[in-house]
Protein backbone atom coordinates (compact mmCIF):
# COMPACT_ATOMS: atom_id res chain seq x y z
CA MET A 1 -2.08 -0.45 -0.06
CA PHE A 2 -3.31 1.46 3.01
CA ASP A 3 -6.17 2.99 0.98
CA LYS A 4 -8.90 1.78 3.34
CA LEU A 5 -6.98 2.80 6.45
CA SER A 6 -6.16 6.20 4.96
CA ASP A 7 -9.81 6.80 4.00
CA LYS A 8 -11.04 5.87 7.48
CA LEU A 9 -8.51 8.04 9.31
CA SER A 10 -9.18 10.93 6.94
CA SER A 11 -12.88 10.59 7.75
CA VAL A 12 -12.17 10.63 11.50
CA PHE A 13 -10.07 13.78 11.35
CA SER A 14 -12.41 15.44 8.89
CA LYS A 15 -15.14 15.22 11.55
CA LEU A 16 -12.84 16.89 14.07
CA ARG A 17 -12.00 19.70 11.64
CA GLY A 18 -15.70 20.29 11.08
CA ARG A 19 -16.24 21.25 14.70
CA GLY A 20 -15.54 24.75 15.97
CA LYS A 21 -14.63 23.42 19.40
CA ILE A 22 -13.49 19.95 20.41
CA THR A 23 -14.50 18.36 23.69
CA GLU A 24 -12.85 15.51 25.55
CA ALA A 25 -15.77 13.33 24.48
CA ASP A 26 -15.10 14.22 20.84
CA LEU A 27 -11.49 13.14 21.19
CA LYS A 28 -12.37 9.86 22.88
CA GLU A 29 -14.87 9.05 20.12
CA ALA A 30 -12.27 9.91 17.47
CA PHE A 31 -9.66 7.68 19.11
CA ARG A 32 -12.18 4.84 19.35
CA GLU A 33 -12.63 5.06 15.57
CA VAL A 34 -8.85 5.25 15.08
CA ARG A 35 -8.49 2.09 17.18
CA LEU A 36 -11.05 0.23 15.06
CA ALA A 37 -9.40 1.43 11.84
CA LEU A 38 -5.96 0.20 12.94
CA LEU A 39 -7.30 -3.17 14.07
CA GLU A 40 -9.15 -3.62 10.76
CA ALA A 41 -5.83 -2.84 9.03
CA ASP A 42 -4.41 -5.88 10.87
CA VAL A 43 -2.08 -3.89 13.11
CA ASN A 44 -0.96 -5.94 16.12
CA TYR A 45 -3.44 -5.58 19.02
CA LYS A 46 -0.78 -4.77 21.63
CA VAL A 47 0.81 -2.23 19.30
CA VAL A 48 -2.57 -0.50 18.81
CA LYS A 49 -3.20 -0.47 22.54
CA GLU A 50 0.16 1.11 23.38
CA PHE A 51 -0.08 3.56 20.47
CA LEU A 52 -3.50 4.86 21.52
CA TYR A 53 -2.50 5.08 25.18
CA THR A 54 0.38 7.37 24.22
CA VAL A 55 -1.66 9.44 21.77
CA GLN A 56 -4.55 9.92 24.21
CA SER A 57 -2.20 10.82 27.05
CA LYS A 58 -0.55 13.51 24.93
CA ALA A 59 -3.78 14.80 23.39
CA LEU A 60 -5.74 15.00 26.62
CA GLY A 61 -2.78 16.08 28.72
CA GLN A 62 -2.09 19.27 26.75
CA ASP A 63 -4.08 22.45 26.26
CA ILE A 64 -5.29 21.21 22.90
CA LEU A 65 -8.97 21.66 23.67
CA LYS A 66 -8.36 25.36 24.35
CA SER A 67 -6.23 25.98 21.26
CA LEU A 68 -7.36 27.71 18.07
CA THR A 69 -6.48 24.68 15.91
CA PRO A 70 -7.18 21.63 18.09
CA SER A 71 -7.78 19.20 15.20
CA GLN A 72 -4.43 20.07 13.58
CA GLN A 73 -2.60 19.51 16.84
CA VAL A 74 -4.30 16.14 17.34
CA ILE A 75 -3.31 15.08 13.80
CA LYS A 76 0.26 16.20 14.50
CA ILE A 77 0.38 14.02 17.62
CA VAL A 78 -1.02 11.03 15.72
CA TYR A 79 1.48 11.61 12.89
CA ASP A 80 4.45 11.84 15.30
CA GLU A 81 3.48 8.72 17.24
CA LEU A 82 2.66 6.75 14.08
CA THR A 83 6.11 7.61 12.76
CA LEU A 84 7.78 6.57 16.01
CA MET A 85 5.76 3.34 16.15
CA MET A 86 7.14 2.37 12.73
CA GLY A 87 10.73 3.24 13.57
CA GLY A 88 11.08 7.02 13.42
CA ALA A 89 13.36 7.31 10.40
CA PHE A 90 14.77 5.28 7.52
CA THR A 91 17.35 2.75 8.69
CA GLY A 92 19.72 1.88 5.87
CA LEU A 93 22.12 -1.02 5.52
CA GLU A 94 24.97 -0.94 8.05
CA LEU A 95 27.92 -1.66 5.79
CA THR A 96 30.88 -1.05 8.08
CA GLY A 97 34.33 -2.53 8.49
CA LYS A 98 36.42 -4.02 5.72
CA PRO A 99 34.63 -5.11 2.52
CA PRO A 100 33.30 -7.31 1.12
CA TRP A 101 30.31 -7.07 3.45
CA PRO A 102 28.18 -10.25 3.72
CA ILE A 103 24.39 -9.82 3.84
CA MET A 104 22.24 -12.85 4.67
CA LEU A 105 18.67 -13.05 3.43
CA VAL A 106 16.63 -15.46 5.55
CA GLY A 107 12.98 -16.45 5.66
CA LEU A 108 10.43 -19.17 5.06
CA GLN A 109 9.96 -20.92 1.73
CA GLY A 110 7.90 -18.84 -0.68
CA SER A 111 8.56 -15.51 1.01
CA GLY A 112 10.38 -14.16 -2.04
CA LYS A 113 14.00 -14.33 -0.86
CA THR A 114 15.55 -15.12 -4.26
CA THR A 115 13.74 -12.35 -6.11
CA THR A 116 14.49 -9.97 -3.24
CA ALA A 117 18.20 -10.86 -3.53
CA GLY A 118 18.09 -9.66 -7.14
CA LYS A 119 16.18 -6.51 -6.18
CA LEU A 120 18.67 -5.73 -3.43
CA ALA A 121 21.57 -6.22 -5.86
CA LEU A 122 20.02 -3.70 -8.25
CA TYR A 123 19.40 -1.26 -5.38
CA LEU A 124 23.03 -1.52 -4.28
CA LYS A 125 24.26 -1.16 -7.86
CA LYS A 126 22.32 2.10 -8.15
CA GLN A 127 24.00 3.22 -4.91
CA GLY A 128 27.40 2.75 -6.53
CA ARG A 129 28.14 -0.59 -4.83
CA ASN A 130 29.47 -3.74 -6.50
CA PRO A 131 27.16 -6.56 -5.35
CA TYR A 132 27.89 -10.28 -5.58
CA LEU A 133 25.04 -12.80 -5.54
CA VAL A 134 25.42 -16.13 -3.75
CA PRO A 135 22.85 -18.94 -4.24
CA ALA A 136 23.07 -20.95 -1.00
CA ASP A 137 19.72 -22.74 -1.26
CA VAL A 138 20.93 -26.18 -2.39
CA ALA A 139 17.68 -27.84 -1.26
CA ARG A 140 15.93 -26.10 -4.15
CA PRO A 141 18.03 -26.34 -7.34
CA ALA A 142 15.58 -24.00 -9.08
CA ALA A 143 16.67 -21.26 -6.68
CA ILE A 144 20.27 -21.55 -7.90
CA ILE A 145 19.13 -21.36 -11.53
CA GLN A 146 16.80 -18.43 -10.79
CA LEU A 147 19.44 -16.35 -8.99
CA THR A 148 22.03 -17.10 -11.68
CA LYS A 149 19.63 -15.82 -14.35
CA LEU A 150 18.88 -12.72 -12.29
CA ALA A 151 22.61 -12.06 -11.96
CA GLU A 152 23.00 -12.28 -15.76
CA GLU A 153 20.09 -9.88 -16.24
CA LEU A 154 21.56 -7.41 -13.75
CA GLU A 155 25.09 -7.90 -15.06
CA VAL A 156 26.49 -8.66 -11.62
CA PRO A 157 28.78 -11.57 -10.67
CA VAL A 158 27.34 -14.70 -9.07
CA TYR A 159 28.96 -17.56 -7.18
CA PRO A 160 28.87 -20.85 -9.20
CA SER A 161 27.01 -22.90 -6.60
CA THR A 162 26.22 -26.58 -7.09
CA THR A 163 23.96 -28.96 -5.18
CA ASP A 164 27.03 -31.04 -4.29
CA MET A 165 28.18 -28.31 -1.90
CA SER A 166 26.71 -27.53 1.50
CA PRO A 167 25.22 -24.06 2.10
CA VAL A 168 27.92 -23.36 4.71
CA GLU A 169 30.68 -24.31 2.23
CA ILE A 170 29.15 -22.06 -0.43
CA ALA A 171 28.86 -19.12 1.95
CA LYS A 172 32.43 -19.48 3.19
CA ALA A 173 33.91 -19.88 -0.31
CA SER A 174 31.97 -16.88 -1.59
CA LEU A 175 33.95 -14.55 0.69
CA VAL A 176 37.12 -15.30 -1.27
CA SER A 177 35.56 -15.36 -4.73
CA ALA A 178 33.69 -12.08 -4.11
CA GLY A 179 36.96 -10.33 -3.38
CA SER A 180 38.50 -11.73 -6.56
CA ALA A 181 35.47 -10.49 -8.53
CA GLY A 182 35.97 -6.96 -7.19
CA ALA A 183 32.71 -7.03 -5.23
CA ASP A 184 32.18 -5.04 -2.05
CA THR A 185 28.82 -6.48 -0.97
CA ILE A 186 27.84 -10.18 -0.82
CA ILE A 187 24.14 -11.09 -0.89
CA ILE A 188 23.59 -14.65 0.34
CA ASP A 189 20.27 -16.24 -0.62
CA THR A 190 19.67 -18.93 2.01
CA ALA A 191 17.26 -21.88 2.07
CA GLY A 192 13.78 -21.73 3.53
CA ARG A 193 11.29 -24.17 4.98
CA LEU A 194 7.52 -24.32 5.12
CA SER A 195 7.88 -23.61 8.83
CA ILE A 196 10.64 -22.74 11.29
CA ASP A 197 12.55 -25.84 12.40
CA GLN A 198 15.79 -26.62 14.20
CA GLU A 199 17.55 -27.91 11.08
CA LEU A 200 16.97 -24.62 9.28
CA MET A 201 18.10 -22.52 12.25
CA THR A 202 21.23 -24.61 12.75
CA GLU A 203 22.17 -24.11 9.08
CA LEU A 204 21.54 -20.37 9.23
CA THR A 205 23.48 -19.99 12.47
CA LYS A 206 26.51 -21.72 10.89
CA ILE A 207 26.34 -19.45 7.82
CA LYS A 208 26.13 -16.42 10.08
CA SER A 209 29.19 -17.66 11.98
CA VAL A 210 31.46 -18.45 9.00
CA THR A 211 30.61 -15.24 7.13
CA ASN A 212 30.37 -12.87 10.09
CA SER A 213 27.46 -11.23 8.25
CA VAL A 214 27.06 -7.50 8.82
CA GLU A 215 23.34 -7.72 7.97
CA ILE A 216 20.86 -10.53 8.61
CA LEU A 217 17.64 -9.52 6.88
CA LEU A 218 14.41 -11.46 7.18
CA VAL A 219 12.33 -11.51 4.00
CA ALA A 220 8.69 -11.88 5.10
CA ASP A 221 5.56 -12.10 2.96
CA ALA A 222 3.40 -9.06 3.78
CA MET A 223 0.25 -10.84 2.57
CA THR A 224 0.43 -13.19 5.56
CA GLY A 225 -0.39 -10.21 7.80
CA GLN A 226 0.24 -10.76 11.50
CA GLU A 227 1.79 -14.14 10.75
CA ALA A 228 4.66 -12.19 9.15
CA VAL A 229 5.10 -10.37 12.46
CA ASN A 230 5.12 -13.67 14.38
CA ILE A 231 7.69 -15.11 11.97
CA ALA A 232 9.86 -12.01 12.36
CA GLU A 233 9.68 -12.32 16.12
CA GLU A 234 10.81 -15.97 16.03
CA PHE A 235 13.62 -15.44 13.51
CA ASN A 236 14.84 -12.51 15.56
CA ARG A 237 14.88 -14.61 18.73
CA ARG A 238 16.98 -17.29 17.01
CA LEU A 239 19.30 -15.20 14.81
CA ASP A 240 19.24 -11.64 16.19
CA LEU A 241 18.12 -9.99 12.97
CA THR A 242 19.43 -6.60 11.88
CA GLY A 243 16.29 -5.79 9.92
CA VAL A 244 13.28 -6.93 7.89
CA ILE A 245 12.24 -6.69 4.25
CA LEU A 246 8.51 -7.07 3.61
CA SER A 247 7.88 -8.61 0.20
CA LYS A 248 4.66 -8.58 -1.85
CA MET A 249 3.42 -5.32 -0.35
CA GLU A 250 1.53 -4.62 -3.57
CA GLY A 251 -0.83 -7.47 -2.66
CA ASP A 252 -1.33 -6.41 0.97
CA ALA A 253 -4.45 -4.23 1.10
CA ARG A 254 -4.27 -3.63 4.87
CA GLY A 255 -0.60 -3.07 5.68
CA GLY A 256 -0.75 -4.10 9.33
CA ALA A 257 2.52 -6.04 9.20
CA ALA A 258 4.45 -2.99 7.98
CA MET A 259 3.04 -0.96 10.85
CA SER A 260 3.66 -3.59 13.54
CA ILE A 261 7.04 -5.20 12.91
CA ARG A 262 9.27 -2.52 14.45
CA ALA A 263 7.15 -2.26 17.60
CA VAL A 264 7.01 -6.04 18.10
CA THR A 265 10.59 -7.06 17.19
CA GLU A 266 12.40 -3.77 17.98
CA LYS A 267 14.24 -4.34 14.68
CA PRO A 268 13.83 -1.92 11.76
CA LEU A 269 11.80 -2.55 8.66
CA LYS A 270 14.36 -1.56 6.01
CA PHE A 271 12.73 -2.20 2.64
CA LEU A 272 9.37 -2.90 1.02
CA GLY A 273 8.97 -5.12 -2.04
CA THR A 274 6.25 -3.41 -4.07
CA GLY A 275 6.04 -5.46 -7.26
CA GLU A 276 7.50 -8.26 -9.37
CA LYS A 277 10.01 -6.14 -11.30
CA LEU A 278 13.59 -5.93 -10.08
CA ASP A 279 13.34 -2.19 -9.42
CA ALA A 280 10.31 -2.68 -7.16
CA LEU A 281 12.22 -2.43 -3.88
CA GLU A 282 11.71 0.75 -1.87
CA PRO A 283 13.55 2.00 1.24
CA PHE A 284 11.11 2.14 4.15
CA HIS A 285 10.61 5.69 5.44
CA PRO A 286 8.30 5.64 8.50
CA ASP A 287 7.66 9.40 8.34
CA ARG A 288 6.66 9.26 4.68
CA LEU A 289 4.36 6.29 5.22
CA ALA A 290 2.72 8.01 8.20
CA SER A 291 2.16 11.06 6.01
CA LEU A 292 0.66 8.91 3.25
CA ILE A 293 -1.63 7.06 5.66
CA LEU A 294 -2.92 10.34 7.09
CA GLY A 295 -3.67 11.70 3.62
CA MET A 296 -0.80 14.19 3.60
CA GLY A 297 0.87 12.70 0.51
CA ASP A 298 4.47 11.63 0.02
CA ILE A 299 6.00 14.24 -2.26
CA LEU A 300 9.60 13.32 -1.36
CA SER A 301 9.26 9.75 -2.64
CA LEU A 302 7.54 11.04 -5.76
CA ILE A 303 10.36 13.50 -6.44
CA GLU A 304 12.97 10.76 -5.98
CA LYS A 305 11.17 8.46 -8.41
CA ALA A 306 10.71 11.24 -10.96
CA GLN A 307 14.37 12.25 -10.80
CA GLU A 308 15.40 8.71 -11.73
CA ILE A 309 13.21 8.76 -14.83
CA ILE A 310 12.84 12.31 -16.14
CA ASP A 311 15.57 14.22 -17.94
CA GLN A 312 16.35 17.42 -15.99
CA ASP A 313 16.23 19.71 -19.04
CA GLU A 314 12.85 18.31 -20.01
CA ALA A 315 11.68 18.67 -16.40
CA ALA A 316 12.66 22.35 -16.34
CA ARG A 317 10.82 22.98 -19.61
CA LEU A 318 7.67 21.23 -18.43
CA SER A 319 7.78 23.10 -15.12
CA SER A 320 7.92 26.37 -17.06
CA SER A 321 4.93 25.27 -19.17
CA LEU A 322 2.91 24.52 -16.06
CA MET A 323 3.72 27.91 -14.54
CA LYS A 324 2.64 29.71 -17.72
CA GLY A 325 -0.49 27.59 -18.05
CA ALA A 326 0.71 26.41 -21.49
CA PHE A 327 0.15 22.67 -21.12
CA THR A 328 -0.06 21.36 -24.71
CA LEU A 329 -1.02 17.96 -26.09
CA ASP A 330 2.71 17.27 -26.57
CA ASP A 331 3.20 17.93 -22.86
CA PHE A 332 0.20 15.73 -22.09
CA ARG A 333 1.68 12.80 -24.05
CA LYS A 334 5.13 13.17 -22.46
CA GLN A 335 3.57 13.50 -19.03
CA MET A 336 1.47 10.36 -19.36
CA ASN A 337 4.49 8.35 -20.50
CA HIS A 338 6.55 9.70 -17.58
CA LEU A 339 3.79 8.63 -15.20
CA LYS A 340 3.75 5.12 -16.63
CA LYS A 341 7.49 4.79 -15.99
CA ILE A 342 7.24 6.12 -12.43
CA GLY A 343 4.23 4.02 -11.41
CA SER A 344 0.48 3.74 -11.71
CA ILE A 345 -1.37 7.02 -12.05
CA GLU A 346 -3.45 6.34 -8.94
CA ASP A 347 -0.36 5.67 -6.80
CA ILE A 348 1.32 8.83 -8.05
CA LEU A 349 -1.68 11.04 -7.35
CA SER A 350 -1.90 9.65 -3.81
CA MET A 351 1.61 11.01 -3.18
CA VAL A 352 0.75 14.59 -4.14
CA PRO A 353 -0.72 16.63 -1.25
CA GLY A 354 -3.94 18.27 -2.36
CA LEU A 355 -4.45 15.90 -5.30
CA GLY A 356 -4.75 12.44 -3.74
CA LYS A 357 -8.45 12.85 -2.99
CA LEU A 358 -9.34 14.36 -6.38
CA LYS A 359 -11.10 11.30 -7.77
CA GLN A 360 -11.89 13.18 -11.01
CA LEU A 361 -8.20 13.48 -11.84
CA LYS A 362 -7.83 9.71 -11.71
CA ASN A 363 -10.68 9.45 -14.20
CA ALA A 364 -9.21 12.19 -16.39
CA ALA A 365 -5.90 10.41 -16.75
CA PRO A 366 -5.86 7.67 -19.40
CA ASP A 367 -5.64 4.07 -18.35
CA ASP A 368 -2.06 2.75 -18.42
CA SER A 369 -2.99 0.17 -21.06
CA LYS A 370 -4.15 2.90 -23.46
CA LEU A 371 -0.92 4.89 -23.49
CA VAL A 372 0.20 3.32 -26.80
CA GLN A 373 -3.07 4.41 -28.39
CA LEU A 374 -2.72 7.88 -26.86
CA THR A 375 0.74 8.27 -28.40
CA ALA A 376 -0.47 7.12 -31.83
CA ILE A 377 -3.35 9.61 -31.84
CA ILE A 378 -1.20 12.59 -30.81
CA ASP A 379 1.52 11.61 -33.29
CA SER A 380 -1.11 11.77 -36.06
CA MET A 381 -1.80 15.43 -35.27
CA THR A 382 -0.07 18.37 -36.94
CA PHE A 383 2.23 20.61 -34.94
CA GLN A 384 -0.45 23.34 -34.84
CA GLU A 385 -3.08 20.87 -33.58
CA ARG A 386 -0.81 19.68 -30.77
CA GLN A 387 -0.19 23.29 -29.72
CA ASP A 388 -3.86 24.37 -29.87
CA HIS A 389 -6.49 21.67 -29.46
CA ASN A 390 -9.30 24.15 -30.13
CA ILE A 391 -8.66 24.03 -33.90
CA ILE A 392 -9.36 20.29 -34.05
CA ASP A 393 -12.79 20.19 -35.72
CA SER A 394 -14.76 17.17 -36.94
CA SER A 395 -12.88 16.83 -40.25
CA ARG A 396 -9.52 16.98 -38.47
CA ARG A 397 -10.73 14.36 -36.00
CA ARG A 398 -11.62 12.00 -38.85
CA ARG A 399 -8.17 12.49 -40.38
CA ILE A 400 -6.43 11.91 -37.03
CA ALA A 401 -8.46 8.76 -36.37
CA LYS A 402 -7.61 7.35 -39.79
CA GLY A 403 -3.92 8.19 -39.45
CA SER A 404 -3.63 6.57 -36.01
CA GLY A 405 -5.68 3.47 -36.81
CA THR A 406 -8.27 4.40 -34.19
CA THR A 407 -11.86 5.64 -34.18
CA ILE A 408 -13.31 9.13 -33.90
CA ASN A 409 -14.63 8.10 -30.47
CA ASP A 410 -11.08 7.28 -29.38
CA VAL A 411 -9.90 10.73 -30.54
CA ASN A 412 -12.82 12.39 -28.75
CA ALA A 413 -12.06 10.46 -25.57
CA LEU A 414 -8.42 11.55 -25.61
CA LEU A 415 -9.32 15.21 -26.16
CA LYS A 416 -11.83 15.06 -23.34
CA SER A 417 -9.23 13.49 -21.05
CA TYR A 418 -6.79 16.27 -21.98
CA THR A 419 -9.30 19.11 -21.45
CA ASP A 420 -10.43 17.59 -18.14
CA THR A 421 -6.79 17.51 -17.03
CA LEU A 422 -6.39 21.19 -17.96
CA LYS A 423 -9.43 22.08 -15.83
CA LEU A 424 -8.18 20.03 -12.89
CA LEU A 425 -4.73 21.59 -13.06
CA LYS A 426 -6.47 24.93 -12.59
CA GLN A 427 -8.30 23.47 -9.57
CA ALA A 428 -4.99 22.19 -8.24
CA THR A 429 -3.57 25.72 -8.50
CA LYS A 430 -6.37 27.03 -6.31
CA ARG A 431 -5.78 24.23 -3.79
CA GLY A 432 -2.03 24.79 -3.73
CA GLY A 433 -1.43 21.38 -5.28
CA LEU A 434 0.26 22.77 -8.37
CA ASP A 435 3.09 24.10 -6.23
CA ASN A 436 3.85 20.49 -5.36
CA LEU A 437 3.71 19.49 -9.02
CA ARG A 438 6.18 22.25 -9.85
CA ARG A 439 8.52 20.95 -7.15
CA TRP A 440 8.19 17.49 -8.69
CA PHE A 441 9.30 18.68 -12.12
CA SER A 442 12.09 21.03 -11.02
C-alpha cells in the first residue's frame, strides 16, 4: 500500500533536490504535482486543499528559497503537515476507570468486525490484558460461531450468546460474566447492515447506554476508499465514535481513507488491519506512515516486529557478523526465515531507510514460497561449505542438489542470490543503510 503515492512524491522531491536553487515557480509546480498525487491516492478533496494551503503558506512564507538546503526544508514541512493531517501521534485505547472496560466494535456488514474483534483480543493479550469476547450479532448466527471459534483459538473466554437473546441483553449480561471470568477488557462484536439505518443505530445506541462503553470503534473497509470516510462521518455523527479501525488495508493500493479519516471526522485512526491472520493488526502511527510515504522508511516499526520474532542472543550474534562482514550461508538461511516471519521481503525493505529503493535487493532475496527449498539446499551442505561458499565447485553442487532433492540450477540460483545479497550489503554500508540493519538486529 502507498507504493504509487510514495513513488510519485519521491519523484517530485527528487526534482527539487536536483536543482541548485529553488524558485517560487519551482515550488508551485512541485505542490501542483503533490496535489495530483494525493488526489490519485483517493485522499479527500477538501483535506488535500487544506493540506496544500498550509504547506504552501509555510514554504513560501519562510526564507526557504534563500537557504542552503531548500528541498530538505520543504520535505520537512510536508512531513510535519502530513503527520498532523493524520493525527500527529499514535492514539491508543483509553482504558480508564474501573475494569472491566467495554469496547464496542461497530460498522457495516462485511467490514470485518468479527475478525477484527479476534485481532484486537490478541493485541490486548500481548499487552498483558485479559480480553473477553462478546458475540452480539444475533442477526447473523455465523458471526456467533465464528467469534466463538476465534476465542478458542486465542484461548480467551467468550460469552455464550444465543440467537434467542437480544443484542442489548447479551451486552448487559456480559458485564457480569466478564468479571467472573477474570477479564479486564470486553470486546463487543455488534451487528451490521448493508447500509446505515435507524434500526441499527437504535440498537447500537442502547448497547452503548447499558454498557457505558469506554471505546466505540468503527471498523471500516479500507478498500471502499472515500466511502469508508463517509461511513465514518455518519457513524460518528450518530454514536460519537472514539476512534476508527481500517480493515483490509493490504488490499488498498491507494490508502486515501487512512490519510483522510482523522481530518474529516476529527476522531483518531487507531489501528490498521493488514492481513487475514489474527496478528495482522497494527497500531496506527501517523509519523511513521508519513515517513514511509515520503520514502524515509519506518525503522521503528521494523524493530518492533523483529523484536517479537527474533531471539535477542541470536540477534546480537547476527549483528556482530554483519559488522565483521562475515555473513555466512547459515546466516543467510536464518535471515530469510526471520524475514518470512516478520512479513514479506518487499514490505520489510521498504521500512529500511536507504534500502527501500534498491530494487536489486528485492530480486536478490528469494521468493517467500521458495524458503523451504532454500533451507533444504543449505542443510545439505557441509559445515565448511556453509562457512565458505567459494569452495562449492561443480561436484559439490551435484552432491548438494541430490541430497536436497533439487536440481543443480536450484543450487546455482541460491548461491547467486546469496552472493548478490553480500554485494548489496556492501552497497548498503556505503549508503549508511547497514547502520539501520545493525539497529534492527541489536
